[in-house]
Protein backbone atom coordinates (compact mmCIF):
# COMPACT_ATOMS: atom_id res chain seq x y z
CA UNK A 1 -17.44 7.45 2.15
CA UNK A 2 -14.62 5.89 0.34
CA UNK A 3 -14.16 2.39 -0.93
CA UNK A 4 -10.77 0.89 -1.84
CA UNK A 5 -10.11 -2.28 -3.82
CA UNK A 6 -6.84 -3.93 -4.21
CA UNK A 7 -5.64 -6.19 -7.01
CA UNK A 8 -2.54 -7.74 -8.35
CA UNK A 9 -1.46 -10.03 -5.57
CA UNK A 10 -0.05 -13.64 -6.17
CA UNK A 11 2.83 -15.99 -5.81
CA UNK A 12 6.19 -14.84 -7.24
CA UNK A 13 9.76 -16.32 -6.62
CA UNK A 14 12.29 -14.49 -4.52
CA UNK A 15 13.95 -11.82 -6.60
CA UNK A 16 11.06 -11.19 -8.68
CA UNK A 17 8.68 -8.26 -8.95
CA UNK A 18 4.90 -7.80 -8.65
CA UNK A 19 2.78 -4.66 -8.86
CA UNK A 20 -0.27 -4.03 -6.80
CA UNK A 21 -3.03 -1.77 -7.71
CA UNK A 22 -5.73 0.01 -5.60
CA UNK A 23 -8.64 1.64 -7.13
CA UNK A 24 -10.52 4.16 -5.00
CA UNK A 25 -14.05 5.04 -5.42
CA UNK A 26 -16.54 7.47 -3.64
CA UNK A 27 -15.40 10.62 -2.01
CA UNK A 28 -11.91 10.38 -3.29
CA UNK A 29 -11.20 14.20 -3.42
CA UNK A 30 -11.16 14.08 0.40
CA UNK A 31 -8.07 11.89 0.72
CA UNK A 32 -5.08 13.39 2.01
CA UNK A 33 -2.80 10.54 2.26
CA UNK A 34 -3.02 6.96 0.49
CA UNK A 35 -0.83 4.20 1.70
CA UNK A 36 0.14 0.37 1.87
CA UNK A 37 0.31 -1.58 4.88
CA UNK A 38 0.94 -5.23 5.25
CA UNK A 39 0.37 -7.95 7.72
CA UNK A 40 2.26 -11.38 7.82
CA UNK A 41 0.78 -14.27 9.89
CA UNK A 42 1.59 -13.91 13.70
CA UNK A 43 2.80 -10.20 13.13
CA UNK A 44 1.59 -6.76 13.58
CA UNK A 45 0.54 -4.43 10.68
CA UNK A 46 3.49 -2.81 9.07
CA UNK A 47 3.60 0.40 7.05
CA UNK A 48 5.10 -0.08 3.54
CA UNK A 49 4.75 3.04 1.60
CA UNK A 50 2.62 5.91 1.03
CA UNK A 51 1.94 9.22 -0.92
CA UNK A 52 0.48 12.49 -0.10
CA UNK A 53 -2.03 13.25 -2.71
CA UNK A 54 -1.61 17.13 -2.92
CA UNK A 55 2.37 16.98 -3.52
CA UNK A 56 2.85 13.61 -4.75
CA UNK A 57 5.51 13.19 -2.16
CA UNK A 58 6.25 9.44 -1.33
CA UNK A 59 7.46 7.89 1.94
CA UNK A 60 8.69 4.37 2.54
CA UNK A 61 9.17 1.94 5.60
CA UNK A 62 12.66 1.14 6.15
CA UNK A 63 12.26 -2.55 5.27
CA UNK A 64 11.22 -1.85 1.63
CA UNK A 65 13.10 1.48 1.06
CA UNK A 66 14.85 1.02 -2.33
CA UNK A 67 12.83 -1.95 -3.37
CA UNK A 68 9.35 -0.72 -3.39
CA UNK A 69 8.01 2.24 -5.17
CA UNK A 70 4.47 4.05 -4.53
CA UNK A 71 2.87 5.94 -7.69
CA UNK A 72 -0.55 6.94 -8.82
CA UNK A 73 -2.76 7.72 -11.67
CA UNK A 74 -5.16 10.25 -10.56
CA UNK A 75 -7.18 10.21 -13.73
CA UNK A 76 -8.04 6.61 -12.72
CA UNK A 77 -8.17 7.21 -8.90
CA UNK A 78 -5.40 4.28 -8.77
CA UNK A 79 -2.50 3.85 -6.48
CA UNK A 80 0.28 1.57 -7.23
CA UNK A 81 2.89 -0.45 -5.25
CA UNK A 82 5.75 -1.68 -7.47
CA UNK A 83 7.61 -4.53 -5.51
CA UNK A 84 10.96 -5.43 -6.80
CA UNK A 85 13.87 -7.71 -5.44
CA UNK A 86 11.09 -9.37 -3.45
CA UNK A 87 12.10 -11.59 -0.30
CA UNK A 88 10.16 -14.37 1.24
CA UNK A 89 9.86 -11.99 4.25
CA UNK A 90 7.80 -9.98 2.08
CA UNK A 91 4.94 -12.27 2.11
CA UNK A 92 2.03 -10.94 3.70
CA UNK A 93 -1.54 -9.78 3.15
CA UNK A 94 -1.17 -6.07 1.60
CA UNK A 95 -3.67 -3.40 2.33
CA UNK A 96 -4.53 -0.16 0.67
CA UNK A 97 -5.47 2.59 3.10
CA UNK A 98 -6.52 6.23 2.76
CA UNK A 99 -7.11 8.94 5.46
CA UNK A 100 -8.60 12.48 5.10
CA UNK A 101 -6.62 14.34 7.46
CA UNK A 102 -3.11 14.76 8.51
CA UNK A 103 -3.78 13.91 11.89
CA UNK A 104 -1.66 11.19 13.60
CA UNK A 105 1.65 9.58 12.65
CA UNK A 106 1.28 8.43 8.82
CA UNK A 107 3.02 5.16 9.75
CA UNK A 108 0.57 3.98 12.08
CA UNK A 109 -2.48 1.98 11.01
CA UNK A 110 -4.78 3.90 13.46
CA UNK A 111 -4.28 7.08 11.42
CA UNK A 112 -6.24 5.69 8.44
CA UNK A 113 -9.95 5.92 8.00
CA UNK A 114 -10.50 3.71 5.13
CA UNK A 115 -9.06 0.32 4.39
CA UNK A 116 -9.44 -2.27 1.41
CA UNK A 117 -10.14 -5.98 1.62
CA UNK A 118 -6.35 -6.94 1.04
CA UNK A 119 -4.44 -8.89 -1.40
CA UNK A 120 -1.98 -11.90 -0.62
CA UNK A 121 1.46 -11.76 -1.67
CA UNK A 122 3.46 -14.76 -1.46
CA UNK A 123 7.13 -14.99 -2.13
CA UNK A 124 8.78 -18.26 -2.45
CA UNK A 125 12.35 -18.96 -1.73
């Protein structure tokens, strides 16, 4: 079993930056991909970005490409999401997720086995 815990959410003005952290505990060596999703009120969960642990390759959703960056510190079992040039439409609950296999499309929330509790990010205009 794997536990994921996000931190770093908060209130920021449009154009500002924020960094989210996700600390993993448990059987972290089983993780194949770790990623971030977000969900705004009344909207479906949206893929934000992720990283394949074995290669460090990162991938992003179209709405955040060029503004957000995913990185990791494997020694600390921590995944980061650096968010820059934030917009009010980035306001959402952000979730850290992980999966132990490559089965399924990585942009789909159903492909992930483990979820954190989420952290709120609010961008004011």
